[in-house]
Amino acid sequence: MSKVKKGVYDFFRGSFLTDESAFKNWRIIIFVVALLLIMISSAHNADKKVIKISELNKRKRELRAEYVDTGTVLMRMKMESSIRKKAKDRGLKPSETPPKKIKVTYKD
């Protein structure tokens, strides 16, 4: 059996984990596994943050639309024609005589 075949066969059998230099191999394997777990954890955290950001952006758009709609309703309520109509419904009417300006003068 050639050296290459024997090396491949030993690798598939897992002899690199059981021979006398296995301690070095186990340390590297545990280190790599720890790094992989950290990488997976940080990827999940990043995904959670992306989902949270998209939900907040959706909520922001909804609130902005509600703000614009409320502003439109308020502007319509403040229009003079709307106020005149509501006053007329309550029995109020515009004054026949225009208002007079009162000027206060002080004499010392």
C-alpha atoms as a PDB file:
ATOM      1  CA  MET A   1       0.000   0.000   0.000  1.00  0.00           C
ATOM      2  CA  SER A   2       1.444   3.362  -0.955  1.00  0.00           C
ATOM      3  CA  LYS A   3       2.007   6.163   1.545  1.00  0.00           C
ATOM      4  CA  VAL A   4      -0.777   8.300   0.033  1.00  0.00           C
ATOM      5  CA  LYS A   5      -3.323   5.467   0.236  1.00  0.00           C
ATOM      6  CA  LYS A   6      -2.264   4.668   3.779  1.00  0.00           C
ATOM      7  CA  GLY A   7      -2.508   8.362   4.787  1.00  0.00           C
ATOM      8  CA  VAL A   8      -6.000   8.694   3.316  1.00  0.00           C
ATOM      9  CA  TYR A   9      -7.085   5.426   4.920  1.00  0.00           C
ATOM     10  CA  ASP A  10      -5.744   6.541   8.312  1.00  0.00           C
ATOM     11  CA  PHE A  11      -7.489   9.887   7.973  1.00  0.00           C
ATOM     12  CA  PHE A  12     -10.879   8.267   7.278  1.00  0.00           C
ATOM     13  CA  ARG A  13     -10.357   5.819  10.158  1.00  0.00           C
ATOM     14  CA  GLY A  14      -9.675   8.755  12.465  1.00  0.00           C
ATOM     15  CA  SER A  15      -6.294   7.585  13.612  1.00  0.00           C
ATOM     16  CA  PHE A  16      -5.111  11.214  13.738  1.00  0.00           C
ATOM     17  CA  LEU A  17      -7.361  11.542  16.816  1.00  0.00           C
ATOM     18  CA  THR A  18      -6.112   8.434  18.601  1.00  0.00           C
ATOM     19  CA  ASP A  19      -2.348   8.279  18.068  1.00  0.00           C
ATOM     20  CA  GLU A  20       0.317   9.775  20.364  1.00  0.00           C
ATOM     21  CA  SER A  21       0.219  13.274  18.776  1.00  0.00           C
ATOM     22  CA  ALA A  22      -3.574  13.451  19.072  1.00  0.00           C
ATOM     23  CA  PHE A  23      -3.493  16.037  21.869  1.00  0.00           C
ATOM     24  CA  LYS A  24      -2.248  18.724  19.440  1.00  0.00           C
ATOM     25  CA  ASN A  25      -4.966  17.755  16.978  1.00  0.00           C
ATOM     26  CA  TRP A  26      -7.699  17.862  19.619  1.00  0.00           C
ATOM     27  CA  ARG A  27      -6.640  21.336  20.742  1.00  0.00           C
ATOM     28  CA  ILE A  28      -6.862  22.637  17.176  1.00  0.00           C
ATOM     29  CA  ILE A  29     -10.208  20.917  16.585  1.00  0.00           C
ATOM     30  CA  ILE A  30     -11.683  22.343  19.799  1.00  0.00           C
ATOM     31  CA  PHE A  31     -10.364  25.811  18.903  1.00  0.00           C
ATOM     32  CA  VAL A  32     -11.908  25.622  15.415  1.00  0.00           C
ATOM     33  CA  VAL A  33     -15.231  24.377  16.829  1.00  0.00           C
ATOM     34  CA  ALA A  34     -15.275  27.250  19.342  1.00  0.00           C
ATOM     35  CA  LEU A  35     -14.621  29.747  16.546  1.00  0.00           C
ATOM     36  CA  LEU A  36     -17.409  28.198  14.470  1.00  0.00           C
ATOM     37  CA  LEU A  37     -19.845  28.445  17.384  1.00  0.00           C
ATOM     38  CA  ILE A  38     -18.945  32.102  17.909  1.00  0.00           C
ATOM     39  CA  MET A  39     -19.379  32.785  14.188  1.00  0.00           C
ATOM     40  CA  ILE A  40     -22.788  31.073  14.094  1.00  0.00           C
ATOM     41  CA  SER A  41     -23.910  32.949  17.203  1.00  0.00           C
ATOM     42  CA  SER A  42     -22.872  36.333  15.812  1.00  0.00           C
ATOM     43  CA  ALA A  43     -24.593  35.565  12.494  1.00  0.00           C
ATOM     44  CA  HIS A  44     -27.846  34.770  14.324  1.00  0.00           C
ATOM     45  CA  ASN A  45     -27.565  37.971  16.345  1.00  0.00           C
ATOM     46  CA  ALA A  46     -26.999  39.978  13.165  1.00  0.00           C
ATOM     47  CA  ASP A  47     -30.057  38.359  11.554  1.00  0.00           C
ATOM     48  CA  LYS A  48     -32.177  39.220  14.606  1.00  0.00           C
ATOM     49  CA  LYS A  49     -31.038  42.836  14.417  1.00  0.00           C
ATOM     50  CA  VAL A  50     -31.839  43.036  10.691  1.00  0.00           C
ATOM     51  CA  ILE A  51     -35.343  41.669  11.323  1.00  0.00           C
ATOM     52  CA  LYS A  52     -35.866  44.136  14.205  1.00  0.00           C
ATOM     53  CA  ILE A  53     -34.708  47.039  12.011  1.00  0.00           C
ATOM     54  CA  SER A  54     -37.114  46.078   9.219  1.00  0.00           C
ATOM     55  CA  GLU A  55     -40.001  45.822  11.711  1.00  0.00           C
ATOM     56  CA  LEU A  56     -39.148  49.244  13.145  1.00  0.00           C
ATOM     57  CA  ASN A  57     -38.943  50.764   9.650  1.00  0.00           C
ATOM     58  CA  LYS A  58     -42.366  49.335   8.831  1.00  0.00           C
ATOM     59  CA  ARG A  59     -43.793  50.773  12.060  1.00  0.00           C
ATOM     60  CA  LYS A  60     -42.141  54.127  11.280  1.00  0.00           C
ATOM     61  CA  ARG A  61     -43.799  54.244   7.844  1.00  0.00           C
ATOM     62  CA  GLU A  62     -47.185  53.429   9.409  1.00  0.00           C
ATOM     63  CA  LEU A  63     -46.796  56.173  12.014  1.00  0.00           C
ATOM     64  CA  ARG A  64     -45.680  58.698   9.384  1.00  0.00           C
ATOM     65  CA  ALA A  65     -48.760  57.898   7.274  1.00  0.00           C
ATOM     66  CA  GLU A  66     -50.974  58.279  10.337  1.00  0.00           C
ATOM     67  CA  TYR A  67     -49.287  61.623  11.140  1.00  0.00           C
ATOM     68  CA  VAL A  68     -49.876  62.934   7.620  1.00  0.00           C
ATOM     69  CA  ASP A  69     -53.508  61.767   7.693  1.00  0.00           C
ATOM     70  CA  THR A  70     -54.113  63.403  11.080  1.00  0.00           C
ATOM     71  CA  GLY A  71     -52.484  66.621   9.852  1.00  0.00           C
ATOM     72  CA  THR A  72     -54.790  66.642   6.820  1.00  0.00           C
ATOM     73  CA  VAL A  73     -57.869  66.171   9.004  1.00  0.00           C
ATOM     74  CA  LEU A  74     -56.697  68.984  11.297  1.00  0.00           C
ATOM     75  CA  MET A  75     -56.132  71.363   8.371  1.00  0.00           C
ATOM     76  CA  ARG A  76     -59.641  70.663   7.098  1.00  0.00           C
ATOM     77  CA  MET A  77     -61.073  71.293  10.561  1.00  0.00           C
ATOM     78  CA  LYS A  78     -59.228  74.649  10.814  1.00  0.00           C
ATOM     79  CA  MET A  79     -60.445  75.930   7.440  1.00  0.00           C
ATOM     80  CA  GLU A  80     -62.651  79.023   7.685  1.00  0.00           C
ATOM     81  CA  SER A  81     -65.425  77.421   5.652  1.00  0.00           C
ATOM     82  CA  SER A  82     -65.528  74.464   8.010  1.00  0.00           C
ATOM     83  CA  ILE A  83     -65.622  76.729  11.064  1.00  0.00           C
ATOM     84  CA  ARG A  84     -68.405  78.871   9.515  1.00  0.00           C
ATOM     85  CA  LYS A  85     -70.457  75.748   8.797  1.00  0.00           C
ATOM     86  CA  LYS A  86     -70.091  74.484  12.372  1.00  0.00           C
ATOM     87  CA  ALA A  87     -70.949  77.912  13.771  1.00  0.00           C
ATOM     88  CA  LYS A  88     -74.008  78.101  11.514  1.00  0.00           C
ATOM     89  CA  ASP A  89     -75.136  74.668  12.740  1.00  0.00           C
ATOM     90  CA  ARG A  90     -74.964  76.014  16.309  1.00  0.00           C
ATOM     91  CA  GLY A  91     -76.967  79.099  15.413  1.00  0.00           C
ATOM     92  CA  LEU A  92     -74.092  81.587  15.266  1.00  0.00           C
ATOM     93  CA  LYS A  93     -73.708  84.005  12.407  1.00  0.00           C
ATOM     94  CA  PRO A  94     -71.140  86.596  11.395  1.00  0.00           C
ATOM     95  CA  SER A  95     -71.514  90.068  12.876  1.00  0.00           C
ATOM     96  CA  GLU A  96     -73.252  92.714  10.777  1.00  0.00           C
ATOM     97  CA  THR A  97     -70.985  95.481  12.050  1.00  0.00           C
ATOM     98  CA  PRO A  98     -67.251  95.167  11.729  1.00  0.00           C
ATOM     99  CA  PRO A  99     -65.173  95.128  14.907  1.00  0.00           C
ATOM    100  CA  LYS A 100     -63.768  98.421  16.216  1.00  0.00           C
ATOM    101  CA  LYS A 101     -60.197  98.871  17.269  1.00  0.00           C
ATOM    102  CA  ILE A 102     -59.776 100.110  20.831  1.00  0.00           C
ATOM    103  CA  LYS A 103     -56.787 102.337  21.379  1.00  0.00           C
ATOM    104  CA  VAL A 104     -55.614 103.045  24.912  1.00  0.00           C
ATOM    105  CA  THR A 105     -53.683 106.218  25.528  1.00  0.00           C
ATOM    106  CA  TYR A 106     -52.002 107.101  28.795  1.00  0.00           C
ATOM    107  CA  LYS A 107     -51.669 110.652  30.054  1.00  0.00           C
ATOM    108  CA  ASP A 108     -49.118 111.239  32.751  1.00  0.00           C
END
